[in-house]
Amino acid sequence: MRGAGGPAGVDLNVLRTFLAVYRSGSFTAAAGLLGVSQPTVTTQIRALERQTGRELFERLPRGVAPTSVAHDLAARVAAPLDALAAATGQDTDEDEEAAPVHLAGPAELMCARVLPALAPPAAAGLRLRVTLGLTDALLEELRAGRHDLVIATYRPRGRALTALPLMDEEFVLVAAPVWADRLVDRLAADGPGVLRAVPLVSYAEDLPIARRYWRHVFGTRLSHPAAVTVPDLRGVLAAVVAGAGFTVLPRYLCEAELASGALVPLLEPADPPINTGYLVQRPGRSENPDVIRVRDLLLEAGRGW
């Protein structure tokens, strides 16, 4: 007998367990939702994988990611199982069983903009699972099904992902007053060469933001190794505020420091470099309505960022 549109002979309880893992992204979370032990969930999923002859979930350090086979199976069984649960009175607490939204993006932007924007719906019951990282790795994980939405620092190529513009970030060349007092006039008069004697603080050895600023504003190649590297722009900000040297930062990240005078712009070009961030997801409509909700909330918030 075929259960709820699933593989022939599979017990309905096993399919319910599969769907709980698929929606929650974790064996442990699924066990909590179903009121069973985590080993029971693991045993049932392994049995289903043996019966289908295919791997359904990739085991991650935290939780699991569905494979393409799992996506296909979920599309076949979700509606019948949900209808059966509603008909038998098992669907009594939708908030408890709501699948979390898996959202990923750069640490600085997530902490400074995204999480504050999502705080009200989170307080009202929205479930979020946030991953911080660099765009290249996060987009690969999105393609593999580990995230629902990724905030990317560039538009991905190809048709495997869809991207919507989220926000523009302006880059600003800054230093603490102890450096700025010596540099602002000289930089305007003599150009970027005056910065060669000043320590450069960056979040990576290849200086991606600073190199872009140099090309756009000065029309030349940056040949200035980093004195300090910190793999988080918030750390770069802290170091420069403390007087470690100069850097290039997104303006949104250092607005408060610029307003207070803790940082000073070394240059105010008429056409500053701007980078567009994108909200990226896999094509098609998500089965989780909260994914659409989060996407729409972020797109609306991004208009004011």
Protein backbone atom coordinates (compact mmCIF):
# COMPACT_ATOMS: atom_id res chain seq x y z
CA MET A 1 0.00 0.00 0.00
CA ARG A 2 1.29 3.46 -0.87
CA GLY A 3 1.17 5.85 2.08
CA ALA A 4 0.13 9.47 1.46
CA GLY A 5 1.71 9.60 -1.98
CA GLY A 6 4.99 8.21 -0.67
CA PRO A 7 6.93 5.06 -1.57
CA ALA A 8 4.93 1.84 -1.56
CA GLY A 9 4.78 0.05 1.79
CA VAL A 10 6.09 2.93 3.90
CA ASP A 11 4.38 3.40 7.25
CA LEU A 12 2.57 6.72 7.66
CA ASN A 13 4.39 7.39 10.93
CA VAL A 14 7.71 7.12 9.12
CA LEU A 15 6.52 9.63 6.53
CA ARG A 16 5.38 11.97 9.29
CA THR A 17 8.82 11.68 10.85
CA PHE A 18 10.45 12.39 7.49
CA LEU A 19 8.31 15.50 7.00
CA ALA A 20 9.07 16.75 10.52
CA VAL A 21 12.80 16.43 9.88
CA TYR A 22 12.46 18.04 6.46
CA ARG A 23 10.61 21.04 7.87
CA SER A 24 12.61 21.51 11.06
CA GLY A 25 16.07 20.83 9.63
CA SER A 26 17.07 18.69 12.60
CA PHE A 27 16.51 15.18 13.96
CA THR A 28 16.44 16.60 17.48
CA ALA A 29 13.89 19.31 16.63
CA ALA A 30 11.73 16.76 14.81
CA ALA A 31 11.80 14.49 17.85
CA GLY A 32 10.55 17.37 19.99
CA LEU A 33 7.74 18.13 17.58
CA LEU A 34 6.66 14.49 17.39
CA GLY A 35 7.06 13.68 21.09
CA VAL A 36 9.48 10.81 20.46
CA SER A 37 13.16 10.24 21.17
CA GLN A 38 15.88 11.43 18.83
CA PRO A 39 17.15 7.84 18.30
CA THR A 40 13.64 6.89 17.16
CA VAL A 41 13.73 9.63 14.55
CA THR A 42 17.20 8.54 13.42
CA THR A 43 16.10 4.89 13.14
CA GLN A 44 13.01 5.76 11.11
CA ILE A 45 14.91 8.01 8.69
CA ARG A 46 17.60 5.39 8.17
CA ALA A 47 14.90 2.80 7.51
CA LEU A 48 13.25 5.08 4.96
CA GLU A 49 16.61 5.71 3.27
CA ARG A 50 17.21 1.95 3.05
CA GLN A 51 13.75 1.40 1.60
CA THR A 52 14.08 4.16 -1.00
CA GLY A 53 17.71 3.33 -1.69
CA ARG A 54 18.58 7.02 -1.63
CA GLU A 55 20.09 9.44 0.89
CA LEU A 56 17.43 11.86 2.09
CA PHE A 57 19.43 14.14 4.36
CA GLU A 58 23.02 15.32 4.47
CA ARG A 59 24.23 15.26 8.06
CA LEU A 60 25.73 18.62 9.07
CA PRO A 61 27.55 19.75 12.23
CA ARG A 62 24.27 21.40 13.19
CA GLY A 63 21.16 19.69 11.87
CA VAL A 64 20.63 18.23 8.42
CA ALA A 65 20.12 19.47 4.86
CA PRO A 66 17.59 17.77 2.55
CA THR A 67 18.87 16.22 -0.66
CA SER A 68 17.09 16.61 -3.99
CA VAL A 69 15.42 13.26 -3.32
CA ALA A 70 14.04 14.61 -0.05
CA HIS A 71 12.71 17.71 -1.81
CA ASP A 72 10.89 15.49 -4.29
CA LEU A 73 9.47 13.23 -1.58
CA ALA A 74 8.33 16.18 0.53
CA ALA A 75 6.53 17.66 -2.47
CA ARG A 76 4.63 14.37 -2.86
CA VAL A 77 3.69 13.67 0.76
CA ALA A 78 3.33 17.07 2.46
CA ALA A 79 -0.18 17.96 1.27
CA PRO A 80 -1.74 14.52 1.93
CA LEU A 81 -0.14 14.26 5.38
CA ASP A 82 -1.20 17.78 6.32
CA ALA A 83 -4.75 17.06 5.17
CA LEU A 84 -4.80 13.82 7.15
CA ALA A 85 -3.48 15.59 10.27
CA ALA A 86 -6.16 18.26 9.97
CA ALA A 87 -8.91 15.67 9.44
CA THR A 88 -7.86 13.66 12.50
CA GLY A 89 -7.35 16.65 14.78
CA GLN A 90 -3.57 16.30 14.98
CA ASP A 91 -2.95 19.76 13.55
CA THR A 92 -3.90 21.66 16.69
CA ASP A 93 -0.83 23.79 17.24
CA GLU A 94 0.42 25.32 14.02
CA ASP A 95 2.90 27.65 15.72
CA GLU A 96 4.62 24.75 17.49
CA GLU A 97 5.01 22.80 14.26
CA ALA A 98 5.96 25.75 12.03
CA ALA A 99 9.22 25.07 10.25
CA PRO A 100 12.02 27.55 10.96
CA VAL A 101 13.31 29.88 8.28
CA HIS A 102 16.97 29.20 7.53
CA LEU A 103 18.54 32.58 6.76
CA ALA A 104 22.21 33.26 6.05
CA GLY A 105 24.40 36.25 5.25
CA PRO A 106 27.45 38.34 6.17
CA ALA A 107 27.91 38.67 9.93
CA GLU A 108 28.07 42.48 9.99
CA LEU A 109 24.98 43.06 7.89
CA MET A 110 22.99 40.38 9.67
CA CYS A 111 23.79 41.85 13.08
CA ALA A 112 23.48 45.53 12.18
CA ARG A 113 20.45 45.44 9.90
CA VAL A 114 18.76 42.11 9.34
CA LEU A 115 18.25 40.72 12.84
CA PRO A 116 16.89 44.02 14.23
CA ALA A 117 14.44 44.16 11.31
CA LEU A 118 13.24 40.63 12.08
CA ALA A 119 13.05 41.07 15.86
CA PRO A 120 9.30 41.98 15.94
CA PRO A 121 8.13 38.88 14.01
CA ALA A 122 10.58 36.73 15.97
CA ALA A 123 9.08 38.02 19.22
CA ALA A 124 5.65 37.14 17.82
CA GLY A 125 6.63 33.53 17.14
CA LEU A 126 8.63 33.45 13.90
CA ARG A 127 11.27 30.72 14.07
CA LEU A 128 14.68 31.61 12.62
CA ARG A 129 17.90 29.69 12.15
CA VAL A 130 20.69 32.11 11.23
CA THR A 131 24.03 31.24 9.64
CA LEU A 132 26.85 33.76 9.27
CA GLY A 133 29.49 33.50 6.58
CA LEU A 134 30.93 34.63 3.27
CA THR A 135 28.81 34.82 0.14
CA ASP A 136 30.58 32.15 -1.95
CA ALA A 137 30.17 29.43 0.65
CA LEU A 138 26.63 30.45 1.59
CA LEU A 139 25.44 30.35 -2.03
CA GLU A 140 26.83 26.84 -2.44
CA GLU A 141 24.98 25.80 0.71
CA LEU A 142 21.81 27.43 -0.62
CA ARG A 143 22.09 25.40 -3.82
CA ALA A 144 22.44 22.29 -1.65
CA GLY A 145 19.25 23.13 0.23
CA ARG A 146 20.80 24.09 3.57
CA HIS A 147 19.27 27.59 3.61
CA ASP A 148 15.98 29.13 2.54
CA LEU A 149 17.32 32.65 1.95
CA VAL A 150 20.82 34.08 1.61
CA ILE A 151 21.85 37.72 1.66
CA ALA A 152 24.68 37.93 -0.87
CA THR A 153 27.19 40.68 -1.57
CA TYR A 154 26.87 40.07 -5.32
CA ARG A 155 24.30 38.71 -7.77
CA PRO A 156 24.89 35.00 -8.41
CA ARG A 157 25.26 33.89 -12.01
CA GLY A 158 23.13 31.30 -13.76
CA ARG A 159 19.54 30.19 -13.35
CA ALA A 160 19.95 27.89 -10.36
CA LEU A 161 19.18 30.76 -7.97
CA THR A 162 16.96 33.84 -8.10
CA ALA A 163 18.14 37.17 -6.69
CA LEU A 164 16.36 40.41 -5.83
CA PRO A 165 18.20 43.67 -5.02
CA LEU A 166 18.02 44.27 -1.27
CA MET A 167 20.13 47.33 -0.46
CA ASP A 168 22.98 49.54 -1.62
CA GLU A 169 25.92 50.01 0.70
CA GLU A 170 28.20 53.02 0.27
CA PHE A 171 31.87 52.63 1.12
CA VAL A 172 33.72 55.31 3.07
CA LEU A 173 37.46 55.81 3.73
CA VAL A 174 37.88 56.42 7.47
CA ALA A 175 40.33 56.78 10.32
CA ALA A 176 40.29 57.90 13.94
CA PRO A 177 40.89 61.63 14.59
CA VAL A 178 44.48 60.95 15.65
CA TRP A 179 45.22 59.94 12.05
CA ALA A 180 42.65 62.06 10.25
CA ASP A 181 44.05 65.33 11.62
CA ARG A 182 47.30 64.56 9.81
CA LEU A 183 45.87 63.09 6.62
CA VAL A 184 42.74 64.84 5.38
CA ASP A 185 44.41 67.94 3.90
CA ARG A 186 47.41 66.04 2.54
CA LEU A 187 45.21 63.37 0.94
CA ALA A 188 43.13 66.01 -0.84
CA ALA A 189 46.26 67.77 -2.08
CA ASP A 190 48.64 64.91 -2.85
CA GLY A 191 46.46 61.87 -3.47
CA PRO A 192 46.47 58.33 -2.04
CA GLY A 193 50.25 58.04 -1.90
CA VAL A 194 50.21 59.79 1.48
CA LEU A 195 48.49 56.74 2.98
CA ARG A 196 51.43 54.41 2.30
CA ALA A 197 52.95 55.27 5.67
CA VAL A 198 49.69 54.58 7.54
CA PRO A 199 48.67 51.07 8.70
CA LEU A 200 45.80 49.60 6.70
CA VAL A 201 43.22 47.50 8.58
CA SER A 202 41.21 44.98 6.54
CA TYR A 203 39.00 41.93 6.99
CA ALA A 204 40.98 39.89 4.42
CA GLU A 205 44.49 39.76 3.03
CA ASP A 206 43.32 40.45 -0.53
CA LEU A 207 41.73 43.77 0.58
CA PRO A 208 38.53 43.43 -1.50
CA ILE A 209 36.73 46.54 -0.23
CA ALA A 210 39.82 48.77 -0.21
CA ARG A 211 40.87 47.64 -3.71
CA ARG A 212 37.44 48.48 -5.03
CA TYR A 213 37.57 51.90 -3.39
CA TRP A 214 40.99 52.63 -4.92
CA ARG A 215 39.88 51.67 -8.42
CA HIS A 216 36.64 53.65 -8.24
CA VAL A 217 37.83 56.80 -6.47
CA PHE A 218 41.53 57.07 -7.30
CA GLY A 219 41.54 55.23 -10.63
CA THR A 220 44.60 53.25 -9.62
CA ARG A 221 45.61 49.90 -8.19
CA LEU A 222 46.03 49.59 -4.44
CA SER A 223 49.55 48.43 -3.54
CA HIS A 224 49.34 48.60 0.22
CA PRO A 225 49.53 45.39 2.30
CA ALA A 226 47.30 45.06 5.31
CA ALA A 227 48.90 45.77 8.68
CA VAL A 228 45.98 44.19 10.56
CA THR A 229 43.41 41.69 9.28
CA VAL A 230 40.24 40.84 11.20
CA PRO A 231 37.72 38.45 9.55
CA ASP A 232 34.78 40.56 10.74
CA LEU A 233 34.14 44.16 9.75
CA ARG A 234 32.96 44.91 13.28
CA GLY A 235 36.46 44.02 14.47
CA VAL A 236 37.96 46.21 11.75
CA LEU A 237 35.74 49.06 12.95
CA ALA A 238 36.83 48.57 16.57
CA ALA A 239 40.51 48.52 15.65
CA VAL A 240 40.32 51.68 13.56
CA VAL A 241 38.29 53.56 16.18
CA ALA A 242 41.05 52.67 18.65
CA GLY A 243 43.67 54.21 16.34
CA ALA A 244 45.15 51.17 14.60
CA GLY A 245 45.16 52.89 11.20
CA PHE A 246 42.73 53.51 8.33
CA THR A 247 40.24 51.35 6.49
CA VAL A 248 37.29 51.34 4.09
CA LEU A 249 33.93 50.41 5.61
CA PRO A 250 30.28 50.31 4.59
CA ARG A 251 28.78 53.58 5.80
CA TYR A 252 25.85 51.84 7.52
CA LEU A 253 28.28 50.03 9.79
CA CYS A 254 30.05 53.15 11.05
CA GLU A 255 27.25 55.74 11.00
CA ALA A 256 27.26 56.16 14.77
CA GLU A 257 31.05 56.57 14.92
CA LEU A 258 31.01 59.13 12.10
CA ALA A 259 28.23 61.05 13.84
CA SER A 260 30.07 61.06 17.19
CA GLY A 261 33.47 61.96 15.72
CA ALA A 262 35.05 58.67 16.78
CA LEU A 263 35.79 58.19 13.07
CA VAL A 264 36.46 60.82 10.43
CA PRO A 265 36.01 60.39 6.66
CA LEU A 266 39.38 60.99 5.02
CA LEU A 267 37.72 61.83 1.73
CA GLU A 268 34.18 62.67 0.60
CA PRO A 269 34.11 61.88 -3.14
CA ALA A 270 31.16 63.12 -5.18
CA ASP A 271 30.70 59.59 -6.54
CA PRO A 272 31.52 57.11 -3.76
CA PRO A 273 31.71 53.40 -4.57
CA ILE A 274 28.49 51.52 -3.91
CA ASN A 275 27.84 47.79 -3.71
CA THR A 276 24.40 46.20 -4.08
CA GLY A 277 23.40 43.36 -1.80
CA TYR A 278 20.92 40.72 -2.98
CA LEU A 279 18.33 38.50 -1.35
CA VAL A 280 18.77 35.08 -2.95
CA GLN A 281 16.69 31.90 -2.92
CA ARG A 282 16.14 28.79 -5.00
CA PRO A 283 13.58 29.13 -7.81
CA GLY A 284 9.96 28.29 -7.09
CA ARG A 285 7.61 29.07 -4.26
CA SER A 286 8.65 27.80 -0.84
CA GLU A 287 6.29 25.45 0.97
CA ASN A 288 7.01 27.34 4.18
CA PRO A 289 4.92 30.54 4.23
CA ASP A 290 7.31 32.08 6.75
CA VAL A 291 10.05 32.06 4.10
CA ILE A 292 7.90 34.27 1.91
CA ARG A 293 7.05 36.39 4.94
CA VAL A 294 10.71 36.93 5.84
CA ARG A 295 11.62 37.67 2.23
CA ASP A 296 8.91 40.32 1.95
CA LEU A 297 9.79 41.86 5.34
CA LEU A 298 13.45 42.17 4.36
CA LEU A 299 12.70 43.63 0.95
CA GLU A 300 10.49 46.23 2.61
CA ALA A 301 13.11 47.01 5.28
CA GLY A 302 15.83 47.21 2.63
CA ARG A 303 14.12 50.18 1.01
CA GLY A 304 14.96 52.19 4.09
CA TRP A 305 18.52 50.95 4.58
